[in-house]
């Protein structure tokens, strides 16, 4: 059985302002992708250590 901490994804890097065209027509937008990866990371963090849930949600 693998260690659960080895399966937790790294915190995604925030999208840089020059990576978004600002046109609103990209699907998915780089911001959508970032938000999805961040949500996945937060969920994984909560599974690993539920007591840190409040701290992680404030990131």
Protein backbone atom coordinates (compact mmCIF):
# COMPACT_ATOMS: atom_id res chain seq x y z
CA UNK A 1 0.00 0.00 0.00
CA UNK A 2 1.38 3.41 -0.96
CA UNK A 3 1.84 6.14 1.60
CA UNK A 4 -1.08 8.57 1.31
CA UNK A 5 1.23 11.59 1.52
CA UNK A 6 3.03 10.46 -1.65
CA UNK A 7 -0.29 10.73 -3.52
CA UNK A 8 -1.06 14.30 -2.44
CA UNK A 9 -0.50 16.72 -5.32
CA UNK A 10 1.78 19.71 -4.97
CA UNK A 11 0.07 23.03 -4.41
CA UNK A 12 -0.52 24.52 -7.86
CA UNK A 13 1.22 27.73 -8.81
CA UNK A 14 -1.09 30.69 -9.18
CA UNK A 15 -1.73 31.69 -12.77
CA UNK A 16 0.33 34.68 -13.85
CA UNK A 17 -1.57 37.66 -15.19
CA UNK A 18 0.16 37.40 -18.58
CA UNK A 19 -1.04 33.80 -19.02
CA UNK A 20 -4.66 34.92 -19.40
CA UNK A 21 -5.79 36.65 -22.56
CA UNK A 22 -8.62 38.42 -20.74
CA UNK A 23 -10.98 37.78 -23.63
CA UNK A 24 -13.30 35.45 -21.77
CA UNK A 25 -13.68 33.08 -24.69
CA UNK A 26 -11.08 30.43 -23.80
CA UNK A 27 -12.55 27.15 -22.65
CA UNK A 28 -11.18 26.28 -20.25
CA UNK A 29 -9.57 29.48 -19.10
CA UNK A 30 -6.19 29.20 -17.38
CA UNK A 31 -7.92 30.55 -14.25
CA UNK A 32 -10.50 27.73 -14.43
CA UNK A 33 -7.70 25.18 -14.62
CA UNK A 34 -5.90 26.80 -11.66
CA UNK A 35 -9.08 26.83 -9.55
CA UNK A 36 -9.73 23.16 -10.33
CA UNK A 37 -6.18 22.15 -9.40
CA UNK A 38 -6.37 24.24 -6.23
CA UNK A 39 -9.66 22.60 -5.23
CA UNK A 40 -8.13 19.15 -5.82
CA UNK A 41 -5.10 20.09 -3.73
CA UNK A 42 -7.26 21.45 -0.90
CA UNK A 43 -9.39 18.31 -0.90
CA UNK A 44 -6.28 16.11 -0.74
CA UNK A 45 -4.92 18.19 2.12
CA UNK A 46 -8.19 17.79 4.05
CA UNK A 47 -8.10 14.01 3.60
CA UNK A 48 -4.51 13.82 4.78
CA UNK A 49 -5.00 16.05 7.82
CA UNK A 50 -8.60 17.10 8.55
CA UNK A 51 -7.51 19.34 11.45
CA UNK A 52 -5.79 21.69 9.00
CA UNK A 53 -8.98 22.25 7.00
CA UNK A 54 -9.58 25.75 8.35
CA UNK A 55 -5.96 26.82 7.73
CA UNK A 56 -5.92 25.49 4.15
CA UNK A 57 -9.20 27.16 3.22
CA UNK A 58 -7.66 30.51 4.15
CA UNK A 59 -4.82 30.09 1.62
